[in-house]
Amino acid sequence: MQPSFNQKFLYPELTRVEENGKRFYIDSKGNPVPSVTTILDAVSDKTGIKRWEQRVGKKAAEEIKQESTDIGTMVHAAIEQYLLGNAWEYFSDDANGLLARGITERFIEVGLTKINEVWGLEAGLLLDDWYAGTADCIALYNDKPAIIDFKTAKKLKRKDWIEGYFLQGAAYANAHNVMFKTDIEEIVILMVDRDLLFKEFHIKKDEFAYYTKTWKTKLLEFFNHHREQK
């Protein structure tokens, strides 16, 4: 059943800027604050990614990343239009477009069925002096408020491989709770791979507290390092 759309909150339009190739947003005081992805990228262990790039070669790695980005962008745009109740079947006329269509259809068939009411899509979230970002979807999921992210993958990932997704969700949930006095304590990652296999990762109250604590630790780590570099 098509979920309803209810714009309960007025999400800010974020102004994006670049600093040393990293994504920042302008807060309400006119100052740049880092994006959630910039923070997590700065404090994450990139050993595995570097090994993979060395193994496949820099050119091949860039091509693989671009292909994944192109497919993911099409899928996200289609899901957003579907949840808004608009026509969504607009894809490029090539292999990536065909794959993006199949992935989107799989999301609609099994991945979006527990979304009851959508509050925001590509919703801007901002905490002055701290950070900002754009959440894929903020909605009632099984009648509980949640931060929802839609992920495409070459192969389904294990839960212990995607801690960054949960930390990102915790960052968005905590910003939303501060901004709008809500009590979001659930993160939902919905994933479809290129074999059209679907997986749901659902973080609830106890785990949410853990990821919130971990996110705040990484946030302070980022700012402490950022101050040292000034």
C-alpha atoms as a PDB file:
ATOM      1  CA  MET A   1       0.000   0.000   0.000  1.00  0.00           C
ATOM      2  CA  GLN A   2       1.268   3.465  -0.913  1.00  0.00           C
ATOM      3  CA  PRO A   3       2.360   5.269   2.291  1.00  0.00           C
ATOM      4  CA  SER A   4       0.868   8.675   3.002  1.00  0.00           C
ATOM      5  CA  PHE A   5       2.969  11.836   2.965  1.00  0.00           C
ATOM      6  CA  ASN A   6       2.595  14.167   5.941  1.00  0.00           C
ATOM      7  CA  GLN A   7       4.946  17.150   6.139  1.00  0.00           C
ATOM      8  CA  LYS A   8       4.908  17.410   9.924  1.00  0.00           C
ATOM      9  CA  PHE A   9       8.121  19.429  10.130  1.00  0.00           C
ATOM     10  CA  LEU A  10       9.695  22.246   8.162  1.00  0.00           C
ATOM     11  CA  TYR A  11      13.134  20.970   7.207  1.00  0.00           C
ATOM     12  CA  PRO A  12      15.721  23.637   6.337  1.00  0.00           C
ATOM     13  CA  GLU A  13      17.157  24.133   2.878  1.00  0.00           C
ATOM     14  CA  LEU A  14      20.868  23.496   3.311  1.00  0.00           C
ATOM     15  CA  THR A  15      23.514  25.581   1.572  1.00  0.00           C
ATOM     16  CA  ARG A  16      26.469  23.409   0.638  1.00  0.00           C
ATOM     17  CA  VAL A  17      30.065  24.613   0.397  1.00  0.00           C
ATOM     18  CA  GLU A  18      33.407  22.889  -0.162  1.00  0.00           C
ATOM     19  CA  GLU A  19      36.409  23.188   2.132  1.00  0.00           C
ATOM     20  CA  ASN A  20      39.562  21.390   0.993  1.00  0.00           C
ATOM     21  CA  GLY A  21      37.419  19.096  -1.128  1.00  0.00           C
ATOM     22  CA  LYS A  22      35.167  18.194   1.807  1.00  0.00           C
ATOM     23  CA  ARG A  23      31.444  18.847   2.155  1.00  0.00           C
ATOM     24  CA  PHE A  24      30.299  21.515   4.608  1.00  0.00           C
ATOM     25  CA  TYR A  25      27.003  23.332   5.091  1.00  0.00           C
ATOM     26  CA  ILE A  26      26.275  26.880   6.267  1.00  0.00           C
ATOM     27  CA  ASP A  27      24.523  26.988   9.649  1.00  0.00           C
ATOM     28  CA  SER A  28      22.030  29.640  10.767  1.00  0.00           C
ATOM     29  CA  LYS A  29      24.906  31.789  12.076  1.00  0.00           C
ATOM     30  CA  GLY A  30      26.532  31.866   8.661  1.00  0.00           C
ATOM     31  CA  ASN A  31      29.352  29.515   9.644  1.00  0.00           C
ATOM     32  CA  PRO A  32      30.355  26.313   7.835  1.00  0.00           C
ATOM     33  CA  VAL A  33      29.725  23.049   9.683  1.00  0.00           C
ATOM     34  CA  PRO A  34      30.857  19.633   8.427  1.00  0.00           C
ATOM     35  CA  SER A  35      28.472  17.151   6.891  1.00  0.00           C
ATOM     36  CA  VAL A  36      27.911  13.879   8.708  1.00  0.00           C
ATOM     37  CA  THR A  37      29.658  12.019   5.872  1.00  0.00           C
ATOM     38  CA  THR A  38      32.662  14.369   6.078  1.00  0.00           C
ATOM     39  CA  ILE A  39      32.992  13.659   9.794  1.00  0.00           C
ATOM     40  CA  LEU A  40      32.690   9.891   9.434  1.00  0.00           C
ATOM     41  CA  ASP A  41      35.093   9.830   6.485  1.00  0.00           C
ATOM     42  CA  ALA A  42      37.694  11.768   8.470  1.00  0.00           C
ATOM     43  CA  VAL A  43      37.655   9.424  11.475  1.00  0.00           C
ATOM     44  CA  SER A  44      37.134   6.072   9.719  1.00  0.00           C
ATOM     45  CA  ASP A  45      39.688   3.363   9.014  1.00  0.00           C
ATOM     46  CA  LYS A  46      40.335   3.322   5.248  1.00  0.00           C
ATOM     47  CA  THR A  47      42.758   0.391   5.245  1.00  0.00           C
ATOM     48  CA  GLY A  48      40.317  -1.991   3.572  1.00  0.00           C
ATOM     49  CA  ILE A  49      39.336   0.483   0.863  1.00  0.00           C
ATOM     50  CA  LYS A  50      42.987   1.281   0.097  1.00  0.00           C
ATOM     51  CA  ARG A  51      43.816  -2.427  -0.197  1.00  0.00           C
ATOM     52  CA  TRP A  52      40.884  -2.913  -2.593  1.00  0.00           C
ATOM     53  CA  GLU A  53      41.987   0.050  -4.732  1.00  0.00           C
ATOM     54  CA  GLN A  54      45.516  -1.328  -4.908  1.00  0.00           C
ATOM     55  CA  ARG A  55      44.176  -4.746  -5.876  1.00  0.00           C
ATOM     56  CA  VAL A  56      41.887  -3.634  -8.728  1.00  0.00           C
ATOM     57  CA  GLY A  57      43.875  -0.575  -9.793  1.00  0.00           C
ATOM     58  CA  LYS A  58      43.028   3.102  -9.452  1.00  0.00           C
ATOM     59  CA  LYS A  59      41.286   3.468 -12.823  1.00  0.00           C
ATOM     60  CA  ALA A  60      39.126   0.371 -12.357  1.00  0.00           C
ATOM     61  CA  ALA A  61      38.263   1.439  -8.810  1.00  0.00           C
ATOM     62  CA  GLU A  62      37.071   4.855 -10.034  1.00  0.00           C
ATOM     63  CA  GLU A  63      34.966   3.238 -12.760  1.00  0.00           C
ATOM     64  CA  ILE A  64      33.358   0.846 -10.274  1.00  0.00           C
ATOM     65  CA  LYS A  65      32.621   3.697  -7.861  1.00  0.00           C
ATOM     66  CA  GLN A  66      31.091   5.824 -10.643  1.00  0.00           C
ATOM     67  CA  GLU A  67      28.914   2.953 -11.833  1.00  0.00           C
ATOM     68  CA  SER A  68      27.654   2.365  -8.293  1.00  0.00           C
ATOM     69  CA  THR A  69      27.014   6.097  -7.859  1.00  0.00           C
ATOM     70  CA  ASP A  70      25.043   6.290 -11.123  1.00  0.00           C
ATOM     71  CA  ILE A  71      22.853   3.314 -10.194  1.00  0.00           C
ATOM     72  CA  GLY A  72      22.342   4.546  -6.634  1.00  0.00           C
ATOM     73  CA  THR A  73      21.394   8.048  -7.800  1.00  0.00           C
ATOM     74  CA  MET A  74      18.734   6.713 -10.163  1.00  0.00           C
ATOM     75  CA  VAL A  75      17.306   4.369  -7.525  1.00  0.00           C
ATOM     76  CA  HIS A  76      17.141   7.099  -4.880  1.00  0.00           C
ATOM     77  CA  ALA A  77      15.431   9.514  -7.270  1.00  0.00           C
ATOM     78  CA  ALA A  78      12.874   6.878  -8.273  1.00  0.00           C
ATOM     79  CA  ILE A  79      12.109   5.879  -4.673  1.00  0.00           C
ATOM     80  CA  GLU A  80      11.649   9.528  -3.706  1.00  0.00           C
ATOM     81  CA  GLN A  81       9.151  10.088  -6.526  1.00  0.00           C
ATOM     82  CA  TYR A  82       7.326   6.871  -5.701  1.00  0.00           C
ATOM     83  CA  LEU A  83       6.941   7.863  -2.048  1.00  0.00           C
ATOM     84  CA  LEU A  84       5.660  11.275  -3.141  1.00  0.00           C
ATOM     85  CA  GLY A  85       3.039   9.549  -5.259  1.00  0.00           C
ATOM     86  CA  ASN A  86       4.564  10.754  -8.533  1.00  0.00           C
ATOM     87  CA  ALA A  87       5.629   8.986 -11.713  1.00  0.00           C
ATOM     88  CA  TRP A  88       8.966   7.356 -10.991  1.00  0.00           C
ATOM     89  CA  GLU A  89       9.924   5.173 -13.960  1.00  0.00           C
ATOM     90  CA  TYR A  90      12.629   7.387 -15.427  1.00  0.00           C
ATOM     91  CA  PHE A  91      15.939   5.614 -15.970  1.00  0.00           C
ATOM     92  CA  SER A  92      18.824   5.892 -18.401  1.00  0.00           C
ATOM     93  CA  ASP A  93      18.552   3.754 -21.519  1.00  0.00           C
ATOM     94  CA  ASP A  94      21.539   1.535 -20.772  1.00  0.00           C
ATOM     95  CA  ALA A  95      22.601  -1.406 -18.585  1.00  0.00           C
ATOM     96  CA  ASN A  96      22.846   0.780 -15.468  1.00  0.00           C
ATOM     97  CA  GLY A  97      19.360   2.118 -16.043  1.00  0.00           C
ATOM     98  CA  LEU A  98      17.953  -1.377 -16.509  1.00  0.00           C
ATOM     99  CA  LEU A  99      19.579  -2.523 -13.293  1.00  0.00           C
ATOM    100  CA  ALA A 100      18.388   0.571 -11.416  1.00  0.00           C
ATOM    101  CA  ARG A 101      14.826  -0.110 -12.571  1.00  0.00           C
ATOM    102  CA  GLY A 102      14.965  -3.707 -11.308  1.00  0.00           C
ATOM    103  CA  ILE A 103      16.407  -2.625  -7.958  1.00  0.00           C
ATOM    104  CA  THR A 104      13.738   0.066  -7.562  1.00  0.00           C
ATOM    105  CA  GLU A 105      10.967  -2.407  -8.343  1.00  0.00           C
ATOM    106  CA  ARG A 106      12.382  -4.745  -5.711  1.00  0.00           C
ATOM    107  CA  PHE A 107      12.389  -1.936  -3.136  1.00  0.00           C
ATOM    108  CA  ILE A 108       8.761  -1.179  -3.938  1.00  0.00           C
ATOM    109  CA  GLU A 109       7.715  -4.850  -3.785  1.00  0.00           C
ATOM    110  CA  VAL A 110       9.314  -5.727  -0.446  1.00  0.00           C
ATOM    111  CA  GLY A 111      11.432  -2.871   0.924  1.00  0.00           C
ATOM    112  CA  LEU A 112       8.976  -0.030   1.316  1.00  0.00           C
ATOM    113  CA  THR A 113       5.953  -1.972   2.525  1.00  0.00           C
ATOM    114  CA  LYS A 114       6.499  -1.211   6.227  1.00  0.00           C
ATOM    115  CA  ILE A 115       6.633   2.560   5.709  1.00  0.00           C
ATOM    116  CA  ASN A 116       3.309   3.902   6.990  1.00  0.00           C
ATOM    117  CA  GLU A 117       3.716   7.670   6.785  1.00  0.00           C
ATOM    118  CA  VAL A 118       6.496   9.743   5.262  1.00  0.00           C
ATOM    119  CA  TRP A 119       7.507  12.957   7.058  1.00  0.00           C
ATOM    120  CA  GLY A 120      10.446  14.021   4.935  1.00  0.00           C
ATOM    121  CA  LEU A 121      12.523  12.985   1.903  1.00  0.00           C
ATOM    122  CA  GLU A 122      16.054  14.291   1.303  1.00  0.00           C
ATOM    123  CA  ALA A 123      15.367  16.232   4.492  1.00  0.00           C
ATOM    124  CA  GLY A 124      17.932  18.775   5.651  1.00  0.00           C
ATOM    125  CA  LEU A 125      19.012  18.489   9.292  1.00  0.00           C
ATOM    126  CA  LEU A 126      21.263  21.017  11.002  1.00  0.00           C
ATOM    127  CA  LEU A 127      22.792  21.584  14.421  1.00  0.00           C
ATOM    128  CA  ASP A 128      24.450  25.000  14.630  1.00  0.00           C
ATOM    129  CA  ASP A 129      28.205  24.852  15.360  1.00  0.00           C
ATOM    130  CA  TRP A 130      28.229  21.064  15.005  1.00  0.00           C
ATOM    131  CA  TYR A 131      27.080  19.329  11.831  1.00  0.00           C
ATOM    132  CA  ALA A 132      24.458  19.001   9.117  1.00  0.00           C
ATOM    133  CA  GLY A 133      23.267  16.480   6.575  1.00  0.00           C
ATOM    134  CA  THR A 134      20.459  15.227   4.402  1.00  0.00           C
ATOM    135  CA  ALA A 135      18.432  12.179   5.441  1.00  0.00           C
ATOM    136  CA  ASP A 136      17.032   9.917   2.720  1.00  0.00           C
ATOM    137  CA  CYS A 137      13.736   9.408   4.499  1.00  0.00           C
ATOM    138  CA  ILE A 138      12.153  10.270   7.838  1.00  0.00           C
ATOM    139  CA  ALA A 139       8.980   8.298   8.387  1.00  0.00           C
ATOM    140  CA  LEU A 140       6.849   6.014  10.489  1.00  0.00           C
ATOM    141  CA  TYR A 141       8.172   2.486   9.991  1.00  0.00           C
ATOM    142  CA  ASN A 142       5.859  -0.134  11.448  1.00  0.00           C
ATOM    143  CA  ASP A 143       4.157   2.860  13.113  1.00  0.00           C
ATOM    144  CA  LYS A 144       7.403   3.950  14.855  1.00  0.00           C
ATOM    145  CA  PRO A 145       9.343   7.108  13.887  1.00  0.00           C
ATOM    146  CA  ALA A 146      12.606   6.207  12.192  1.00  0.00           C
ATOM    147  CA  ILE A 147      15.473   7.453  10.080  1.00  0.00           C
ATOM    148  CA  ILE A 148      15.421   5.331   6.913  1.00  0.00           C
ATOM    149  CA  ASP A 149      18.200   4.956   4.366  1.00  0.00           C
ATOM    150  CA  PHE A 150      18.020   3.175   1.004  1.00  0.00           C
ATOM    151  CA  LYS A 151      21.202   1.397  -0.046  1.00  0.00           C
ATOM    152  CA  THR A 152      22.170  -0.355  -3.257  1.00  0.00           C
ATOM    153  CA  ALA A 153      25.038  -2.843  -3.214  1.00  0.00           C
ATOM    154  CA  LYS A 154      26.863  -5.222  -5.522  1.00  0.00           C
ATOM    155  CA  LYS A 155      26.309  -7.902  -2.884  1.00  0.00           C
ATOM    156  CA  LEU A 156      24.365  -7.794   0.368  1.00  0.00           C
ATOM    157  CA  LYS A 157      26.573  -6.678   3.230  1.00  0.00           C
ATOM    158  CA  ARG A 158      26.951  -8.080   6.718  1.00  0.00           C
ATOM    159  CA  LYS A 159      25.809  -5.980   9.624  1.00  0.00           C
ATOM    160  CA  ASP A 160      29.318  -5.633  11.050  1.00  0.00           C
ATOM    161  CA  TRP A 161      30.502  -4.129   7.744  1.00  0.00           C
ATOM    162  CA  ILE A 162      28.112  -1.184   7.781  1.00  0.00           C
ATOM    163  CA  GLU A 163      28.587   0.507  11.148  1.00  0.00           C
ATOM    164  CA  GLY A 164      28.991   3.794   9.297  1.00  0.00           C
ATOM    165  CA  TYR A 165      25.400   3.587   8.052  1.00  0.00           C
ATOM    166  CA  PHE A 166      24.124   3.218  11.615  1.00  0.00           C
ATOM    167  CA  LEU A 167      26.306   6.055  12.886  1.00  0.00           C
ATOM    168  CA  GLN A 168      24.978   8.286  10.117  1.00  0.00           C
ATOM    169  CA  GLY A 169      21.427   7.354  11.076  1.00  0.00           C
ATOM    170  CA  ALA A 170      22.148   8.105  14.741  1.00  0.00           C
ATOM    171  CA  ALA A 171      23.558  11.512  13.787  1.00  0.00           C
ATOM    172  CA  TYR A 172      20.422  12.369  11.815  1.00  0.00           C
ATOM    173  CA  ALA A 173      18.081  11.063  14.519  1.00  0.00           C
ATOM    174  CA  ASN A 174      19.814  13.066  17.243  1.00  0.00           C
ATOM    175  CA  ALA A 175      19.751  16.229  15.137  1.00  0.00           C
ATOM    176  CA  HIS A 176      16.048  15.712  14.423  1.00  0.00           C
ATOM    177  CA  ASN A 177      15.308  15.167  18.109  1.00  0.00           C
ATOM    178  CA  VAL A 178      17.062  18.399  19.054  1.00  0.00           C
ATOM    179  CA  MET A 179      15.539  20.446  16.233  1.00  0.00           C
ATOM    180  CA  PHE A 180      11.939  19.279  16.557  1.00  0.00           C
ATOM    181  CA  LYS A 181      11.697  17.852  20.109  1.00  0.00           C
ATOM    182  CA  THR A 182      11.012  14.371  18.742  1.00  0.00           C
ATOM    183  CA  ASP A 183      12.035  11.018  20.195  1.00  0.00           C
ATOM    184  CA  ILE A 184      13.338   9.039  17.228  1.00  0.00           C
ATOM    185  CA  GLU A 185      15.213   5.952  18.439  1.00  0.00           C
ATOM    186  CA  GLU A 186      15.122   3.703  15.383  1.00  0.00           C
ATOM    187  CA  ILE A 187      17.324   3.462  12.308  1.00  0.00           C
ATOM    188  CA  VAL A 188      16.331   1.376   9.297  1.00  0.00           C
ATOM    189  CA  ILE A 189      18.717   0.482   6.487  1.00  0.00           C
ATOM    190  CA  LEU A 190      16.970  -1.091   3.488  1.00  0.00           C
ATOM    191  CA  MET A 191      19.339  -2.730   1.002  1.00  0.00           C
ATOM    192  CA  VAL A 192      18.916  -4.346  -2.414  1.00  0.00           C
ATOM    193  CA  ASP A 193      21.843  -5.862  -4.289  1.00  0.00           C
ATOM    194  CA  ARG A 194      22.399  -6.482  -7.987  1.00  0.00           C
ATOM    195  CA  ASP A 195      20.936  -9.973  -7.726  1.00  0.00           C
ATOM    196  CA  LEU A 196      17.777  -8.210  -6.445  1.00  0.00           C
ATOM    197  CA  LEU A 197      18.165  -9.732  -2.994  1.00  0.00           C
ATOM    198  CA  PHE A 198      16.697  -7.615  -0.202  1.00  0.00           C
ATOM    199  CA  LYS A 199      17.823  -7.161   3.402  1.00  0.00           C
ATOM    200  CA  GLU A 200      16.549  -5.025   6.258  1.00  0.00           C
ATOM    201  CA  PHE A 201      18.785  -3.820   9.095  1.00  0.00           C
ATOM    202  CA  HIS A 202      16.674  -2.419  11.934  1.00  0.00           C
ATOM    203  CA  ILE A 203      18.341  -0.641  14.856  1.00  0.00           C
ATOM    204  CA  LYS A 204      16.058  -0.145  17.860  1.00  0.00           C
ATOM    205  CA  LYS A 205      16.281   1.432  21.288  1.00  0.00           C
ATOM    206  CA  ASP A 206      19.168  -0.416  23.004  1.00  0.00           C
ATOM    207  CA  GLU A 207      21.391  -0.537  19.926  1.00  0.00           C
ATOM    208  CA  PHE A 208      20.403   3.032  19.096  1.00  0.00           C
ATOM    209  CA  ALA A 209      21.845   4.186  22.426  1.00  0.00           C
ATOM    210  CA  TYR A 210      25.140   2.449  21.563  1.00  0.00           C
ATOM    211  CA  TYR A 211      25.375   4.033  18.115  1.00  0.00           C
ATOM    212  CA  THR A 212      24.445   7.438  19.519  1.00  0.00           C
ATOM    213  CA  LYS A 213      27.273   7.206  22.053  1.00  0.00           C
ATOM    214  CA  THR A 214      29.705   6.048  19.354  1.00  0.00           C
ATOM    215  CA  TRP A 215      28.632   8.859  17.028  1.00  0.00           C
ATOM    216  CA  LYS A 216      29.190  11.488  19.713  1.00  0.00           C
ATOM    217  CA  THR A 217      32.652  10.076  20.403  1.00  0.00           C
ATOM    218  CA  LYS A 218      33.552  10.317  16.714  1.00  0.00           C
ATOM    219  CA  LEU A 219      32.078  13.823  16.505  1.00  0.00           C
ATOM    220  CA  LEU A 220      34.320  15.006  19.348  1.00  0.00           C
ATOM    221  CA  GLU A 221      37.291  13.198  17.797  1.00  0.00           C
ATOM    222  CA  PHE A 222      36.711  15.071  14.547  1.00  0.00           C
ATOM    223  CA  PHE A 223      36.468  18.487  16.209  1.00  0.00           C
ATOM    224  CA  ASN A 224      39.466  17.887  18.454  1.00  0.00           C
ATOM    225  CA  HIS A 225      41.545  16.939  15.413  1.00  0.00           C
ATOM    226  CA  HIS A 226      40.121  19.865  13.428  1.00  0.00           C
ATOM    227  CA  ARG A 227      41.148  22.311  16.170  1.00  0.00           C
ATOM    228  CA  GLU A 228      44.665  20.858  16.276  1.00  0.00           C
ATOM    229  CA  GLN A 229      45.061  21.512  12.563  1.00  0.00           C
ATOM    230  CA  LYS A 230      44.109  25.213  12.870  1.00  0.00           C
END
